[in-house]
N, C-alpha and C. Protein backbone atom coordinates (compact mmCIF):
# COMPACT_ATOMS: atom_id res chain seq x y z
N MET A 1 10.53 15.72 4.15
CA MET A 1 10.07 16.43 5.31
C MET A 1 11.04 17.56 5.61
N GLN A 2 10.52 18.69 5.98
CA GLN A 2 11.35 19.83 6.31
C GLN A 2 11.94 19.65 7.70
N SER A 3 12.95 20.46 8.04
CA SER A 3 13.61 20.33 9.33
C SER A 3 12.68 20.66 10.50
N ASN A 4 11.60 21.39 10.25
CA ASN A 4 10.67 21.72 11.33
C ASN A 4 9.61 20.63 11.53
N GLY A 5 9.71 19.52 10.80
CA GLY A 5 8.78 18.41 10.96
C GLY A 5 7.52 18.50 10.13
N ILE A 6 7.35 19.55 9.36
CA ILE A 6 6.15 19.73 8.53
C ILE A 6 6.42 19.11 7.16
N ARG A 7 5.44 18.37 6.64
CA ARG A 7 5.61 17.78 5.32
C ARG A 7 5.60 18.86 4.25
N GLN A 8 6.48 18.70 3.27
CA GLN A 8 6.50 19.63 2.15
C GLN A 8 5.28 19.39 1.27
N ILE A 9 4.78 20.44 0.67
CA ILE A 9 3.67 20.30 -0.26
C ILE A 9 4.26 19.87 -1.59
N ASP A 10 3.82 18.73 -2.04
CA ASP A 10 4.35 18.11 -3.25
C ASP A 10 3.18 17.90 -4.21
N PRO A 11 3.30 18.32 -5.48
CA PRO A 11 2.17 18.18 -6.40
C PRO A 11 1.74 16.73 -6.62
N VAL A 12 2.69 15.80 -6.57
CA VAL A 12 2.35 14.39 -6.80
C VAL A 12 1.52 13.85 -5.64
N THR A 13 2.01 14.04 -4.41
CA THR A 13 1.26 13.53 -3.27
C THR A 13 -0.06 14.27 -3.09
N THR A 14 -0.11 15.54 -3.47
CA THR A 14 -1.36 16.30 -3.41
C THR A 14 -2.38 15.72 -4.39
N ALA A 15 -1.92 15.35 -5.58
CA ALA A 15 -2.82 14.75 -6.57
C ALA A 15 -3.33 13.39 -6.09
N TYR A 16 -2.45 12.58 -5.48
CA TYR A 16 -2.89 11.29 -4.96
C TYR A 16 -3.88 11.47 -3.81
N LYS A 17 -3.66 12.46 -2.96
CA LYS A 17 -4.58 12.72 -1.85
C LYS A 17 -5.95 13.12 -2.39
N LYS A 18 -5.96 13.95 -3.42
CA LYS A 18 -7.23 14.37 -4.03
C LYS A 18 -7.96 13.15 -4.61
N LEU A 19 -7.21 12.27 -5.27
CA LEU A 19 -7.79 11.05 -5.82
C LEU A 19 -8.40 10.19 -4.71
N ALA A 20 -7.67 10.03 -3.61
CA ALA A 20 -8.16 9.23 -2.48
C ALA A 20 -9.42 9.84 -1.89
N ASP A 21 -9.43 11.16 -1.74
CA ASP A 21 -10.60 11.83 -1.16
C ASP A 21 -11.83 11.74 -2.06
N GLU A 22 -11.62 11.85 -3.37
CA GLU A 22 -12.75 11.86 -4.30
C GLU A 22 -13.28 10.46 -4.60
N GLN A 23 -12.38 9.49 -4.83
CA GLN A 23 -12.82 8.17 -5.27
C GLN A 23 -12.82 7.11 -4.17
N GLY A 24 -12.03 7.31 -3.13
CA GLY A 24 -11.88 6.30 -2.08
C GLY A 24 -13.17 5.76 -1.51
N PRO A 25 -14.12 6.62 -1.12
CA PRO A 25 -15.35 6.11 -0.54
C PRO A 25 -16.24 5.36 -1.54
N HIS A 26 -15.99 5.51 -2.82
CA HIS A 26 -16.85 4.90 -3.84
C HIS A 26 -16.29 3.59 -4.39
N VAL A 27 -15.13 3.18 -3.92
CA VAL A 27 -14.49 1.97 -4.42
C VAL A 27 -14.47 0.93 -3.31
N SER A 28 -14.80 -0.31 -3.66
CA SER A 28 -14.72 -1.41 -2.71
C SER A 28 -13.67 -2.40 -3.19
N ALA A 29 -12.96 -2.99 -2.24
CA ALA A 29 -11.96 -4.00 -2.57
C ALA A 29 -11.80 -4.92 -1.38
N ASN A 30 -11.50 -6.16 -1.66
CA ASN A 30 -11.24 -7.13 -0.61
C ASN A 30 -9.83 -6.87 -0.07
N ARG A 31 -9.70 -6.64 1.21
CA ARG A 31 -8.41 -6.31 1.82
C ARG A 31 -7.39 -7.42 1.58
N ASP A 32 -7.81 -8.69 1.70
CA ASP A 32 -6.89 -9.81 1.50
C ASP A 32 -6.39 -9.88 0.06
N GLU A 33 -7.26 -9.55 -0.89
CA GLU A 33 -6.86 -9.53 -2.30
C GLU A 33 -5.84 -8.42 -2.55
N VAL A 34 -6.06 -7.27 -1.94
CA VAL A 34 -5.10 -6.16 -2.07
C VAL A 34 -3.74 -6.59 -1.55
N VAL A 35 -3.71 -7.19 -0.36
CA VAL A 35 -2.44 -7.61 0.25
C VAL A 35 -1.76 -8.67 -0.61
N ARG A 36 -2.52 -9.65 -1.09
CA ARG A 36 -1.95 -10.73 -1.90
C ARG A 36 -1.31 -10.18 -3.18
N HIS A 37 -2.02 -9.32 -3.88
CA HIS A 37 -1.48 -8.77 -5.13
C HIS A 37 -0.33 -7.79 -4.87
N LEU A 38 -0.39 -7.11 -3.75
CA LEU A 38 0.70 -6.20 -3.39
C LEU A 38 1.98 -6.98 -3.15
N HIS A 39 1.87 -8.11 -2.47
CA HIS A 39 3.06 -8.94 -2.23
C HIS A 39 3.57 -9.60 -3.51
N LYS A 40 2.66 -10.00 -4.38
CA LYS A 40 3.07 -10.69 -5.61
C LYS A 40 3.64 -9.74 -6.65
N ALA A 41 3.04 -8.56 -6.80
CA ALA A 41 3.43 -7.68 -7.92
C ALA A 41 3.82 -6.27 -7.50
N GLY A 42 3.81 -5.99 -6.21
CA GLY A 42 4.10 -4.63 -5.75
C GLY A 42 5.46 -4.12 -6.15
N ARG A 43 6.49 -4.95 -6.01
CA ARG A 43 7.84 -4.50 -6.34
C ARG A 43 8.05 -4.41 -7.84
N THR A 44 7.27 -5.15 -8.62
CA THR A 44 7.36 -5.05 -10.08
C THR A 44 6.74 -3.74 -10.55
N LEU A 45 5.57 -3.43 -10.00
CA LEU A 45 4.86 -2.22 -10.39
C LEU A 45 5.52 -0.96 -9.82
N PHE A 46 6.09 -1.10 -8.63
CA PHE A 46 6.75 0.03 -7.96
C PHE A 46 8.18 -0.37 -7.60
N PRO A 47 9.10 -0.37 -8.56
CA PRO A 47 10.46 -0.86 -8.30
C PRO A 47 11.23 -0.02 -7.27
N GLN A 48 10.79 1.21 -7.04
CA GLN A 48 11.50 2.05 -6.08
C GLN A 48 11.18 1.67 -4.63
N LEU A 49 10.21 0.79 -4.41
CA LEU A 49 9.86 0.37 -3.06
C LEU A 49 10.73 -0.81 -2.64
N SER A 50 11.06 -0.82 -1.36
CA SER A 50 11.83 -1.94 -0.80
C SER A 50 10.87 -2.97 -0.23
N LYS A 51 11.41 -4.12 0.15
CA LYS A 51 10.59 -5.15 0.78
C LYS A 51 10.00 -4.62 2.09
N THR A 52 10.78 -3.81 2.81
CA THR A 52 10.30 -3.21 4.05
C THR A 52 9.10 -2.32 3.79
N ASN A 53 9.14 -1.54 2.72
CA ASN A 53 8.00 -0.67 2.37
C ASN A 53 6.74 -1.50 2.13
N ILE A 54 6.88 -2.61 1.41
CA ILE A 54 5.74 -3.49 1.15
C ILE A 54 5.23 -4.10 2.46
N ASP A 55 6.16 -4.51 3.32
CA ASP A 55 5.77 -5.07 4.62
C ASP A 55 5.04 -4.03 5.48
N VAL A 56 5.50 -2.78 5.43
CA VAL A 56 4.86 -1.72 6.21
C VAL A 56 3.43 -1.48 5.72
N VAL A 57 3.24 -1.37 4.42
CA VAL A 57 1.88 -1.11 3.92
C VAL A 57 0.97 -2.31 4.21
N THR A 58 1.51 -3.52 4.17
CA THR A 58 0.72 -4.70 4.52
C THR A 58 0.32 -4.64 5.99
N ALA A 59 1.26 -4.28 6.85
CA ALA A 59 0.95 -4.16 8.27
C ALA A 59 -0.08 -3.06 8.52
N LEU A 60 0.02 -1.97 7.77
CA LEU A 60 -0.96 -0.88 7.93
C LEU A 60 -2.38 -1.37 7.66
N THR A 61 -2.53 -2.25 6.67
CA THR A 61 -3.88 -2.75 6.37
C THR A 61 -4.45 -3.53 7.55
N GLY A 62 -3.57 -4.15 8.33
CA GLY A 62 -4.02 -4.88 9.51
C GLY A 62 -4.57 -3.97 10.61
N PHE A 63 -4.15 -2.73 10.61
CA PHE A 63 -4.61 -1.78 11.62
C PHE A 63 -6.02 -1.25 11.32
N THR A 64 -6.62 -1.68 10.21
CA THR A 64 -7.99 -1.27 9.90
C THR A 64 -9.01 -2.26 10.45
N LYS A 65 -8.53 -3.26 11.19
CA LYS A 65 -9.42 -4.29 11.73
C LYS A 65 -10.10 -3.78 13.00
N ASP A 66 -11.41 -3.94 13.05
CA ASP A 66 -12.19 -3.56 14.23
C ASP A 66 -12.04 -4.66 15.27
N PRO A 67 -11.46 -4.36 16.45
CA PRO A 67 -11.26 -5.41 17.45
C PRO A 67 -12.57 -6.02 17.95
N ALA A 68 -13.63 -5.25 17.95
CA ALA A 68 -14.92 -5.74 18.46
C ALA A 68 -15.54 -6.77 17.52
N THR A 69 -15.51 -6.50 16.22
CA THR A 69 -16.18 -7.38 15.27
C THR A 69 -15.21 -8.31 14.54
N GLY A 70 -13.93 -7.95 14.50
CA GLY A 70 -12.96 -8.76 13.77
C GLY A 70 -13.00 -8.53 12.27
N LYS A 71 -13.77 -7.53 11.83
CA LYS A 71 -13.87 -7.23 10.40
C LYS A 71 -13.00 -6.03 10.06
N TYR A 72 -12.55 -6.01 8.81
CA TYR A 72 -11.76 -4.88 8.34
C TYR A 72 -12.70 -3.75 7.92
N ILE A 73 -12.41 -2.55 8.39
CA ILE A 73 -13.29 -1.40 8.18
C ILE A 73 -12.81 -0.58 6.99
N GLY A 74 -13.76 -0.20 6.13
CA GLY A 74 -13.47 0.73 5.05
C GLY A 74 -13.07 0.09 3.74
N TRP A 75 -13.03 -1.23 3.67
CA TRP A 75 -12.59 -1.89 2.43
C TRP A 75 -13.76 -2.21 1.52
N THR A 76 -14.80 -2.85 2.06
CA THR A 76 -15.91 -3.26 1.21
C THR A 76 -17.21 -2.54 1.56
N ASP A 77 -17.20 -1.73 2.59
CA ASP A 77 -18.43 -1.09 3.02
C ASP A 77 -18.60 0.32 2.48
N GLY A 78 -17.80 0.68 1.48
CA GLY A 78 -17.91 2.02 0.91
C GLY A 78 -17.28 3.09 1.77
N GLY A 79 -16.54 2.69 2.78
CA GLY A 79 -15.90 3.66 3.66
C GLY A 79 -14.46 3.93 3.24
N ILE A 80 -13.72 4.48 4.18
CA ILE A 80 -12.31 4.80 3.95
C ILE A 80 -11.49 4.01 4.96
N PRO A 81 -10.61 3.12 4.49
CA PRO A 81 -9.74 2.42 5.43
C PRO A 81 -8.70 3.41 5.98
N MET A 82 -8.78 3.68 7.27
CA MET A 82 -7.96 4.72 7.89
C MET A 82 -7.20 4.12 9.08
N VAL A 83 -5.92 4.43 9.16
CA VAL A 83 -5.09 4.01 10.29
C VAL A 83 -4.86 5.25 11.15
N CYS A 84 -5.31 5.17 12.40
CA CYS A 84 -5.24 6.34 13.28
C CYS A 84 -4.17 6.21 14.36
N ALA A 85 -3.48 5.09 14.43
CA ALA A 85 -2.46 4.88 15.46
C ALA A 85 -1.27 5.81 15.25
N SER A 86 -0.58 6.12 16.33
CA SER A 86 0.60 6.99 16.26
C SER A 86 1.77 6.24 15.63
N ASN A 87 2.75 6.99 15.16
CA ASN A 87 3.95 6.38 14.59
C ASN A 87 4.63 5.47 15.61
N ARG A 88 4.67 5.90 16.86
CA ARG A 88 5.32 5.10 17.90
C ARG A 88 4.62 3.75 18.06
N LYS A 89 3.29 3.77 18.12
CA LYS A 89 2.54 2.52 18.27
C LYS A 89 2.71 1.64 17.03
N LEU A 90 2.63 2.23 15.85
CA LEU A 90 2.80 1.46 14.62
C LEU A 90 4.18 0.82 14.57
N ALA A 91 5.23 1.59 14.87
CA ALA A 91 6.59 1.07 14.82
C ALA A 91 6.79 -0.06 15.82
N THR A 92 6.25 0.12 17.03
CA THR A 92 6.37 -0.92 18.06
C THR A 92 5.67 -2.20 17.62
N GLU A 93 4.46 -2.07 17.10
CA GLU A 93 3.69 -3.24 16.66
C GLU A 93 4.38 -3.96 15.49
N MET A 94 5.02 -3.19 14.61
CA MET A 94 5.67 -3.77 13.44
C MET A 94 7.08 -4.27 13.74
N GLY A 95 7.64 -3.85 14.86
CA GLY A 95 8.98 -4.27 15.22
C GLY A 95 10.07 -3.55 14.43
N ILE A 96 9.81 -2.31 14.07
CA ILE A 96 10.80 -1.50 13.35
C ILE A 96 10.97 -0.17 14.08
N SER A 97 12.00 0.58 13.71
CA SER A 97 12.21 1.88 14.34
C SER A 97 11.24 2.91 13.76
N GLU A 98 11.02 3.97 14.52
CA GLU A 98 10.16 5.04 14.02
C GLU A 98 10.74 5.69 12.78
N ALA A 99 12.08 5.79 12.73
CA ALA A 99 12.72 6.40 11.55
C ALA A 99 12.46 5.56 10.30
N THR A 100 12.56 4.24 10.44
CA THR A 100 12.28 3.35 9.30
C THR A 100 10.82 3.47 8.88
N LEU A 101 9.93 3.54 9.87
CA LEU A 101 8.50 3.70 9.57
C LEU A 101 8.26 5.00 8.81
N LYS A 102 8.85 6.09 9.28
CA LYS A 102 8.65 7.39 8.62
C LYS A 102 9.17 7.37 7.19
N ARG A 103 10.34 6.74 6.97
CA ARG A 103 10.89 6.64 5.61
C ARG A 103 9.95 5.82 4.72
N SER A 104 9.43 4.73 5.27
CA SER A 104 8.51 3.89 4.50
C SER A 104 7.22 4.63 4.17
N LEU A 105 6.67 5.33 5.14
CA LEU A 105 5.44 6.09 4.90
C LEU A 105 5.66 7.15 3.83
N HIS A 106 6.81 7.80 3.87
CA HIS A 106 7.13 8.81 2.86
C HIS A 106 7.23 8.16 1.47
N ALA A 107 7.91 7.02 1.38
CA ALA A 107 8.04 6.33 0.09
C ALA A 107 6.68 5.87 -0.43
N LEU A 108 5.83 5.38 0.46
CA LEU A 108 4.50 4.92 0.06
C LEU A 108 3.61 6.07 -0.41
N CYS A 109 3.78 7.24 0.21
CA CYS A 109 3.04 8.43 -0.24
C CYS A 109 3.51 8.86 -1.63
N LYS A 110 4.82 8.80 -1.86
CA LYS A 110 5.39 9.26 -3.13
C LYS A 110 4.91 8.42 -4.32
N VAL A 111 4.71 7.10 -4.11
CA VAL A 111 4.25 6.26 -5.21
C VAL A 111 2.73 6.17 -5.28
N GLY A 112 2.05 6.77 -4.31
CA GLY A 112 0.59 6.81 -4.37
C GLY A 112 -0.11 5.58 -3.86
N LEU A 113 0.45 4.93 -2.84
CA LEU A 113 -0.25 3.80 -2.24
C LEU A 113 -0.99 4.20 -0.97
N ILE A 114 -0.56 5.28 -0.34
CA ILE A 114 -1.25 5.81 0.84
C ILE A 114 -1.27 7.33 0.74
N SER A 115 -2.12 7.96 1.54
CA SER A 115 -2.09 9.42 1.65
C SER A 115 -2.30 9.77 3.12
N ASN A 116 -1.88 10.95 3.50
CA ASN A 116 -2.03 11.41 4.88
C ASN A 116 -3.19 12.38 4.98
N ASP A 117 -4.09 12.11 5.90
CA ASP A 117 -5.16 13.04 6.22
C ASP A 117 -4.79 13.67 7.55
N ASP A 118 -4.15 14.82 7.50
CA ASP A 118 -3.64 15.46 8.70
C ASP A 118 -4.66 16.40 9.32
N SER A 119 -4.67 16.42 10.64
CA SER A 119 -5.46 17.41 11.36
C SER A 119 -4.60 18.66 11.54
N ALA A 120 -5.20 19.71 12.01
CA ALA A 120 -4.45 20.95 12.23
C ALA A 120 -3.35 20.76 13.27
N SER A 121 -3.59 19.87 14.24
CA SER A 121 -2.60 19.62 15.28
C SER A 121 -1.64 18.49 14.90
N ARG A 122 -1.81 17.93 13.69
CA ARG A 122 -1.00 16.84 13.17
C ARG A 122 -1.15 15.55 13.99
N ARG A 123 -2.26 15.41 14.67
CA ARG A 123 -2.54 14.21 15.44
C ARG A 123 -3.50 13.33 14.64
N ARG A 124 -3.43 12.04 14.91
CA ARG A 124 -4.33 11.10 14.24
C ARG A 124 -5.47 10.73 15.16
N GLY A 125 -6.55 10.24 14.56
CA GLY A 125 -7.70 9.81 15.34
C GLY A 125 -8.84 10.81 15.26
N LYS A 126 -9.78 10.68 16.17
CA LYS A 126 -10.94 11.57 16.22
C LYS A 126 -10.54 12.81 17.00
N ILE A 127 -10.71 13.96 16.39
CA ILE A 127 -10.40 15.23 17.03
C ILE A 127 -11.72 15.84 17.51
N PRO A 128 -11.83 16.20 18.81
CA PRO A 128 -13.09 16.78 19.30
C PRO A 128 -13.49 18.01 18.49
N GLY A 129 -14.75 18.07 18.12
CA GLY A 129 -15.28 19.21 17.38
C GLY A 129 -15.05 19.12 15.88
N SER A 130 -14.48 18.01 15.40
CA SER A 130 -14.22 17.88 13.96
C SER A 130 -15.10 16.78 13.38
N VAL A 131 -15.16 16.75 12.08
CA VAL A 131 -15.93 15.74 11.38
C VAL A 131 -14.97 14.67 10.88
N GLY A 132 -15.23 13.42 11.19
CA GLY A 132 -14.40 12.33 10.68
C GLY A 132 -13.14 12.10 11.49
N TYR A 133 -12.25 11.31 10.90
CA TYR A 133 -11.01 10.93 11.54
C TYR A 133 -9.83 11.44 10.73
N TYR A 134 -8.67 11.50 11.39
CA TYR A 134 -7.44 11.89 10.72
C TYR A 134 -6.44 10.75 10.87
N GLY A 135 -5.64 10.53 9.84
CA GLY A 135 -4.64 9.47 9.92
C GLY A 135 -4.09 9.13 8.56
N ILE A 136 -3.69 7.87 8.42
CA ILE A 136 -3.13 7.38 7.18
C ILE A 136 -4.27 6.76 6.38
N ASN A 137 -4.55 7.34 5.23
CA ASN A 137 -5.66 6.92 4.38
C ASN A 137 -5.17 5.84 3.42
N LEU A 138 -5.79 4.66 3.46
CA LEU A 138 -5.39 3.54 2.61
C LEU A 138 -6.30 3.37 1.39
N SER A 139 -7.13 4.36 1.09
CA SER A 139 -8.06 4.27 -0.04
C SER A 139 -7.35 4.06 -1.36
N LEU A 140 -6.14 4.60 -1.49
CA LEU A 140 -5.41 4.45 -2.76
C LEU A 140 -5.09 2.99 -3.06
N LEU A 141 -4.96 2.17 -2.03
CA LEU A 141 -4.74 0.74 -2.26
C LEU A 141 -5.96 0.12 -2.94
N LYS A 142 -7.16 0.53 -2.51
CA LYS A 142 -8.38 0.03 -3.15
C LYS A 142 -8.46 0.51 -4.59
N ILE A 143 -8.15 1.79 -4.78
CA ILE A 143 -8.27 2.40 -6.11
C ILE A 143 -7.27 1.78 -7.08
N ARG A 144 -6.07 1.45 -6.60
CA ARG A 144 -5.01 0.97 -7.49
C ARG A 144 -4.94 -0.55 -7.58
N LEU A 145 -5.90 -1.26 -6.97
CA LEU A 145 -5.92 -2.71 -7.06
C LEU A 145 -5.92 -3.22 -8.50
N PRO A 146 -6.70 -2.64 -9.43
CA PRO A 146 -6.65 -3.14 -10.81
C PRO A 146 -5.24 -3.09 -11.42
N GLU A 147 -4.45 -2.08 -11.09
CA GLU A 147 -3.07 -2.01 -11.58
C GLU A 147 -2.25 -3.19 -11.04
N LEU A 148 -2.45 -3.51 -9.76
CA LEU A 148 -1.73 -4.63 -9.16
C LEU A 148 -2.15 -5.95 -9.79
N VAL A 149 -3.44 -6.10 -10.06
CA VAL A 149 -3.94 -7.33 -10.69
C VAL A 149 -3.33 -7.50 -12.08
N ILE A 150 -3.28 -6.43 -12.86
CA ILE A 150 -2.70 -6.49 -14.21
C ILE A 150 -1.21 -6.80 -14.14
N ALA A 151 -0.50 -6.16 -13.22
CA ALA A 151 0.94 -6.42 -13.07
C ALA A 151 1.19 -7.87 -12.69
N TYR A 152 0.35 -8.42 -11.81
CA TYR A 152 0.50 -9.82 -11.42
C TYR A 152 0.20 -10.75 -12.60
N ALA A 153 -0.82 -10.43 -13.38
CA ALA A 153 -1.13 -11.24 -14.57
C ALA A 153 0.03 -11.22 -15.56
N ASP A 154 0.64 -10.05 -15.76
CA ASP A 154 1.80 -9.96 -16.64
C ASP A 154 2.96 -10.80 -16.13
N LEU A 155 3.19 -10.74 -14.82
CA LEU A 155 4.26 -11.54 -14.23
C LEU A 155 4.01 -13.03 -14.45
N THR A 156 2.78 -13.44 -14.23
CA THR A 156 2.42 -14.85 -14.39
C THR A 156 2.59 -15.30 -15.83
N SER A 157 2.14 -14.49 -16.78
CA SER A 157 2.28 -14.88 -18.20
C SER A 157 3.75 -14.88 -18.61
N ASN A 158 4.54 -13.94 -18.09
CA ASN A 158 5.97 -13.93 -18.40
C ASN A 158 6.66 -15.17 -17.85
N ARG A 159 6.28 -15.59 -16.64
CA ARG A 159 6.87 -16.80 -16.06
C ARG A 159 6.52 -18.02 -16.91
N ALA A 160 5.27 -18.08 -17.37
CA ALA A 160 4.86 -19.21 -18.20
C ALA A 160 5.65 -19.24 -19.50
N ALA A 161 5.87 -18.08 -20.11
CA ALA A 161 6.65 -18.02 -21.35
C ALA A 161 8.09 -18.44 -21.11
N ILE A 162 8.68 -18.00 -20.01
CA ILE A 162 10.06 -18.37 -19.70
C ILE A 162 10.16 -19.88 -19.48
N GLU A 163 9.22 -20.45 -18.74
CA GLU A 163 9.23 -21.90 -18.52
C GLU A 163 9.09 -22.65 -19.84
N HIS A 164 8.26 -22.15 -20.74
CA HIS A 164 8.09 -22.78 -22.05
C HIS A 164 9.41 -22.78 -22.83
N TYR A 165 10.10 -21.63 -22.84
CA TYR A 165 11.37 -21.54 -23.57
C TYR A 165 12.46 -22.40 -22.93
N TRP A 166 12.48 -22.50 -21.61
CA TRP A 166 13.46 -23.37 -20.95
C TRP A 166 13.19 -24.83 -21.31
N ALA A 167 11.92 -25.20 -21.40
CA ALA A 167 11.59 -26.58 -21.79
C ALA A 167 12.08 -26.86 -23.20
N GLU A 168 11.92 -25.89 -24.11
CA GLU A 168 12.42 -26.06 -25.48
C GLU A 168 13.94 -26.18 -25.49
N ILE A 169 14.61 -25.35 -24.72
CA ILE A 169 16.08 -25.40 -24.67
C ILE A 169 16.53 -26.75 -24.14
N LYS A 170 15.87 -27.26 -23.11
CA LYS A 170 16.24 -28.56 -22.54
C LYS A 170 16.02 -29.69 -23.54
N SER A 171 14.97 -29.56 -24.36
CA SER A 171 14.72 -30.62 -25.35
C SER A 171 15.73 -30.56 -26.50
N ILE A 172 16.22 -29.39 -26.83
CA ILE A 172 17.19 -29.23 -27.93
C ILE A 172 18.61 -29.53 -27.47
N ARG A 173 18.92 -29.28 -26.22
CA ARG A 173 20.28 -29.42 -25.70
C ARG A 173 20.90 -30.79 -25.98
N PRO A 174 20.22 -31.92 -25.78
CA PRO A 174 20.86 -33.22 -26.06
C PRO A 174 21.26 -33.37 -27.54
N GLN A 175 20.51 -32.77 -28.43
CA GLN A 175 20.84 -32.85 -29.86
C GLN A 175 22.11 -32.08 -30.17
N CYS A 176 22.37 -31.04 -29.44
CA CYS A 176 23.57 -30.22 -29.67
C CYS A 176 24.82 -30.94 -29.21
N ARG A 177 24.72 -31.80 -28.24
CA ARG A 177 25.89 -32.52 -27.71
C ARG A 177 26.31 -33.65 -28.64
N ALA A 178 25.42 -34.15 -29.41
CA ALA A 178 25.72 -35.31 -30.25
C ALA A 178 26.52 -34.98 -31.44
């Protein structure tokens, strides 16, 4: 972020935003499955993310819940899961500082797990006279779910192989002592 508070134009985040805008509405994913795989394999697939970053993106998915119906909006209905709350509200709800939230949002944008849909006034939510909403777009989580599933499968198979080799070592170890 520049000193004047405006986000720098970055080709990587611009490409991820374009991907979210083009494919996001056409992809459906179960929100709980996204969260589960993100927690299991997120740090393996994205080693530059901290546990706090993973916790922040998980909390963001919770902000897509419609209080009236109790359903998550934009995940399976062909829509766009969008978080419109302010940074202050998000930070308060998550129990972290605004600075930590901003750092996490920046890191999540850089790896392509979220994108920002900014209005001209840089406010989130419904802007009078505009079409749609502005905020934090979580469509990339839906789009990248297959990557998370594959990373989790690799982790699981690697754990099984390690357990197999440890069992072999344990069976051979008594013979070495004799």
